[in-house]
């Protein structure tokens, strides 16, 4: 009888150990390695979304045309007018470069005078919803 109890105890101990090891194996900690450029792109996307959400504001269109030329114009604009934000908007079949987010007509006209020195075809727009 004592021999049977020792075997049962040993069996229970081994079974408990296996079960314990098995349950601890489920606790895996993962780490996510994120590219730093991802955060930068996310910030840019948030800025664009905020700029487009405000449809009551005036904007200045400095260019319309194909995708590559639009990207070049926007980069060129950002180098010269660092304080004014800009974005590219697609309307079939052209890409438009819109800059600024001006709340009043007076603000946009004042900025237009400066921008027209470099971009003579610039014009004021008020995006519709």
C-alpha atoms as a PDB file:
ATOM      1  CA  UNK A   1       0.000   0.000   0.000  1.00  0.00           C
ATOM      2  CA  UNK A   2       2.792   2.421   0.864  1.00  0.00           C
ATOM      3  CA  UNK A   3       4.468   1.540  -2.417  1.00  0.00           C
ATOM      4  CA  UNK A   4       1.277   2.415  -4.317  1.00  0.00           C
ATOM      5  CA  UNK A   5       1.005   5.748  -2.483  1.00  0.00           C
ATOM      6  CA  UNK A   6       4.625   6.577  -3.341  1.00  0.00           C
ATOM      7  CA  UNK A   7       3.989   5.774  -7.001  1.00  0.00           C
ATOM      8  CA  UNK A   8       0.823   7.882  -7.017  1.00  0.00           C
ATOM      9  CA  UNK A   9       2.652  10.735  -5.336  1.00  0.00           C
ATOM     10  CA  UNK A  10       5.544  10.449  -7.795  1.00  0.00           C
ATOM     11  CA  UNK A  11       3.137  10.284 -10.752  1.00  0.00           C
ATOM     12  CA  UNK A  12       1.220  13.326  -9.458  1.00  0.00           C
ATOM     13  CA  UNK A  13       4.457  15.233  -8.911  1.00  0.00           C
ATOM     14  CA  UNK A  14       5.709  14.500 -12.445  1.00  0.00           C
ATOM     15  CA  UNK A  15       2.332  15.306 -13.956  1.00  0.00           C
ATOM     16  CA  UNK A  16       2.158  18.590 -12.009  1.00  0.00           C
ATOM     17  CA  UNK A  17       5.671  19.551 -13.106  1.00  0.00           C
ATOM     18  CA  UNK A  18       4.850  18.907 -16.776  1.00  0.00           C
ATOM     19  CA  UNK A  19       1.624  20.884 -16.482  1.00  0.00           C
ATOM     20  CA  UNK A  20       3.429  23.773 -14.751  1.00  0.00           C
ATOM     21  CA  UNK A  21       6.124  23.909 -17.442  1.00  0.00           C
ATOM     22  CA  UNK A  22       3.464  23.743 -20.150  1.00  0.00           C
ATOM     23  CA  UNK A  23       1.469  26.616 -18.673  1.00  0.00           C
ATOM     24  CA  UNK A  24       4.544  28.813 -18.205  1.00  0.00           C
ATOM     25  CA  UNK A  25       5.472  28.267 -21.826  1.00  0.00           C
ATOM     26  CA  UNK A  26       2.398  30.278 -22.837  1.00  0.00           C
ATOM     27  CA  UNK A  27       3.782  33.475 -21.339  1.00  0.00           C
ATOM     28  CA  UNK A  28       5.738  34.920 -24.245  1.00  0.00           C
ATOM     29  CA  UNK A  29       6.777  38.528 -24.260  1.00  0.00           C
ATOM     30  CA  UNK A  30       7.017  40.168 -27.663  1.00  0.00           C
ATOM     31  CA  UNK A  31       8.797  43.323 -28.622  1.00  0.00           C
ATOM     32  CA  UNK A  32       7.929  45.340 -31.688  1.00  0.00           C
ATOM     33  CA  UNK A  33      10.763  46.905 -33.630  1.00  0.00           C
ATOM     34  CA  UNK A  34       9.319  49.880 -35.445  1.00  0.00           C
ATOM     35  CA  UNK A  35      11.080  51.801 -38.158  1.00  0.00           C
ATOM     36  CA  UNK A  36      11.562  55.440 -37.031  1.00  0.00           C
ATOM     37  CA  UNK A  37      10.343  56.638 -40.429  1.00  0.00           C
ATOM     38  CA  UNK A  38       6.927  55.172 -39.635  1.00  0.00           C
ATOM     39  CA  UNK A  39       6.373  57.697 -36.842  1.00  0.00           C
ATOM     40  CA  UNK A  40       7.481  60.541 -39.107  1.00  0.00           C
ATOM     41  CA  UNK A  41       5.076  59.449 -41.857  1.00  0.00           C
ATOM     42  CA  UNK A  42       2.282  59.139 -39.314  1.00  0.00           C
ATOM     43  CA  UNK A  43       2.882  62.724 -38.122  1.00  0.00           C
ATOM     44  CA  UNK A  44       2.812  63.998 -41.717  1.00  0.00           C
ATOM     45  CA  UNK A  45      -0.446  62.152 -42.367  1.00  0.00           C
ATOM     46  CA  UNK A  46      -2.000  63.677 -39.249  1.00  0.00           C
ATOM     47  CA  UNK A  47      -0.962  67.157 -40.414  1.00  0.00           C
ATOM     48  CA  UNK A  48      -2.548  66.544 -43.818  1.00  0.00           C
ATOM     49  CA  UNK A  49      -5.771  65.269 -42.258  1.00  0.00           C
ATOM     50  CA  UNK A  50      -6.035  68.318 -40.008  1.00  0.00           C
ATOM     51  CA  UNK A  51      -5.419  70.611 -42.981  1.00  0.00           C
ATOM     52  CA  UNK A  52      -8.069  68.957 -45.120  1.00  0.00           C
ATOM     53  CA  UNK A  53     -10.635  68.754 -42.318  1.00  0.00           C
ATOM     54  CA  UNK A  54     -10.898  72.525 -42.100  1.00  0.00           C
ATOM     55  CA  UNK A  55     -12.980  73.217 -45.218  1.00  0.00           C
ATOM     56  CA  UNK A  56     -13.930  76.693 -44.044  1.00  0.00           C
ATOM     57  CA  UNK A  57     -10.386  77.983 -44.619  1.00  0.00           C
ATOM     58  CA  UNK A  58      -8.974  79.648 -47.708  1.00  0.00           C
ATOM     59  CA  UNK A  59      -6.079  78.084 -49.569  1.00  0.00           C
ATOM     60  CA  UNK A  60      -3.799  79.148 -52.383  1.00  0.00           C
ATOM     61  CA  UNK A  61      -3.309  76.914 -55.387  1.00  0.00           C
ATOM     62  CA  UNK A  62       0.204  77.341 -56.754  1.00  0.00           C
ATOM     63  CA  UNK A  63       0.286  74.540 -59.331  1.00  0.00           C
ATOM     64  CA  UNK A  64      -1.722  71.873 -61.100  1.00  0.00           C
ATOM     65  CA  UNK A  65      -0.404  69.137 -63.350  1.00  0.00           C
ATOM     66  CA  UNK A  66       1.061  65.642 -63.116  1.00  0.00           C
ATOM     67  CA  UNK A  67       2.174  63.870 -59.950  1.00  0.00           C
ATOM     68  CA  UNK A  68       5.946  64.267 -60.305  1.00  0.00           C
ATOM     69  CA  UNK A  69       5.815  67.975 -61.110  1.00  0.00           C
ATOM     70  CA  UNK A  70       3.408  68.545 -58.224  1.00  0.00           C
ATOM     71  CA  UNK A  71       5.787  66.888 -55.785  1.00  0.00           C
ATOM     72  CA  UNK A  72       8.670  69.005 -57.056  1.00  0.00           C
ATOM     73  CA  UNK A  73       6.648  72.231 -56.759  1.00  0.00           C
ATOM     74  CA  UNK A  74       5.564  71.376 -53.221  1.00  0.00           C
ATOM     75  CA  UNK A  75       9.159  70.660 -52.130  1.00  0.00           C
ATOM     76  CA  UNK A  76      10.332  73.864 -53.784  1.00  0.00           C
ATOM     77  CA  UNK A  77       7.563  75.817 -52.028  1.00  0.00           C
ATOM     78  CA  UNK A  78       8.358  74.324 -48.613  1.00  0.00           C
ATOM     79  CA  UNK A  79      12.004  75.382 -48.960  1.00  0.00           C
ATOM     80  CA  UNK A  80      11.070  79.003 -49.645  1.00  0.00           C
ATOM     81  CA  UNK A  81       7.990  79.406 -47.429  1.00  0.00           C
ATOM     82  CA  UNK A  82       8.765  77.292 -44.359  1.00  0.00           C
ATOM     83  CA  UNK A  83       6.010  78.812 -42.231  1.00  0.00           C
ATOM     84  CA  UNK A  84       3.217  77.887 -44.673  1.00  0.00           C
ATOM     85  CA  UNK A  85       2.096  74.275 -44.884  1.00  0.00           C
ATOM     86  CA  UNK A  86       1.129  72.676 -48.176  1.00  0.00           C
ATOM     87  CA  UNK A  87      -0.412  69.535 -49.597  1.00  0.00           C
ATOM     88  CA  UNK A  88      -1.156  67.804 -52.888  1.00  0.00           C
ATOM     89  CA  UNK A  89      -4.769  67.088 -53.805  1.00  0.00           C
ATOM     90  CA  UNK A  90      -5.801  64.810 -56.653  1.00  0.00           C
ATOM     91  CA  UNK A  91      -8.792  65.688 -58.798  1.00  0.00           C
ATOM     92  CA  UNK A  92      -9.136  63.682 -61.964  1.00  0.00           C
ATOM     93  CA  UNK A  93      -6.980  64.058 -64.106  1.00  0.00           C
ATOM     94  CA  UNK A  94      -4.646  66.525 -62.364  1.00  0.00           C
ATOM     95  CA  UNK A  95      -2.780  66.967 -59.109  1.00  0.00           C
ATOM     96  CA  UNK A  96      -3.126  70.336 -57.405  1.00  0.00           C
ATOM     97  CA  UNK A  97      -0.708  71.896 -54.946  1.00  0.00           C
ATOM     98  CA  UNK A  98      -2.609  73.762 -52.242  1.00  0.00           C
ATOM     99  CA  UNK A  99      -0.800  75.818 -49.634  1.00  0.00           C
ATOM    100  CA  UNK A 100      -1.861  77.601 -46.508  1.00  0.00           C
ATOM    101  CA  UNK A 101      -4.872  77.373 -44.269  1.00  0.00           C
ATOM    102  CA  UNK A 102      -6.069  80.959 -43.960  1.00  0.00           C
ATOM    103  CA  UNK A 103      -9.164  81.775 -41.931  1.00  0.00           C
ATOM    104  CA  UNK A 104      -9.949  85.182 -43.414  1.00  0.00           C
ATOM    105  CA  UNK A 105      -9.926  86.650 -46.885  1.00  0.00           C
ATOM    106  CA  UNK A 106      -7.534  89.394 -45.737  1.00  0.00           C
ATOM    107  CA  UNK A 107      -4.944  86.841 -44.560  1.00  0.00           C
ATOM    108  CA  UNK A 108      -5.045  84.892 -47.798  1.00  0.00           C
ATOM    109  CA  UNK A 109      -4.782  87.997 -49.967  1.00  0.00           C
ATOM    110  CA  UNK A 110      -1.771  89.210 -47.985  1.00  0.00           C
ATOM    111  CA  UNK A 111      -0.037  85.838 -48.409  1.00  0.00           C
ATOM    112  CA  UNK A 112      -0.991  85.726 -52.091  1.00  0.00           C
ATOM    113  CA  UNK A 113       0.920  88.945 -52.750  1.00  0.00           C
ATOM    114  CA  UNK A 114       4.127  87.319 -51.451  1.00  0.00           C
ATOM    115  CA  UNK A 115       3.540  83.964 -53.130  1.00  0.00           C
ATOM    116  CA  UNK A 116       2.742  85.523 -56.524  1.00  0.00           C
ATOM    117  CA  UNK A 117       6.282  86.903 -56.665  1.00  0.00           C
ATOM    118  CA  UNK A 118       7.537  83.336 -57.073  1.00  0.00           C
ATOM    119  CA  UNK A 119       4.389  81.654 -58.465  1.00  0.00           C
ATOM    120  CA  UNK A 120       2.630  84.156 -60.751  1.00  0.00           C
ATOM    121  CA  UNK A 121      -0.215  81.757 -61.614  1.00  0.00           C
ATOM    122  CA  UNK A 122      -1.197  81.284 -57.949  1.00  0.00           C
ATOM    123  CA  UNK A 123      -4.845  81.812 -57.120  1.00  0.00           C
ATOM    124  CA  UNK A 124      -7.097  81.845 -54.063  1.00  0.00           C
ATOM    125  CA  UNK A 125      -9.461  78.945 -53.582  1.00  0.00           C
ATOM    126  CA  UNK A 126     -12.011  78.051 -50.945  1.00  0.00           C
ATOM    127  CA  UNK A 127     -12.441  74.273 -51.003  1.00  0.00           C
ATOM    128  CA  UNK A 128     -15.992  73.060 -50.899  1.00  0.00           C
ATOM    129  CA  UNK A 129     -17.182  70.203 -48.729  1.00  0.00           C
END
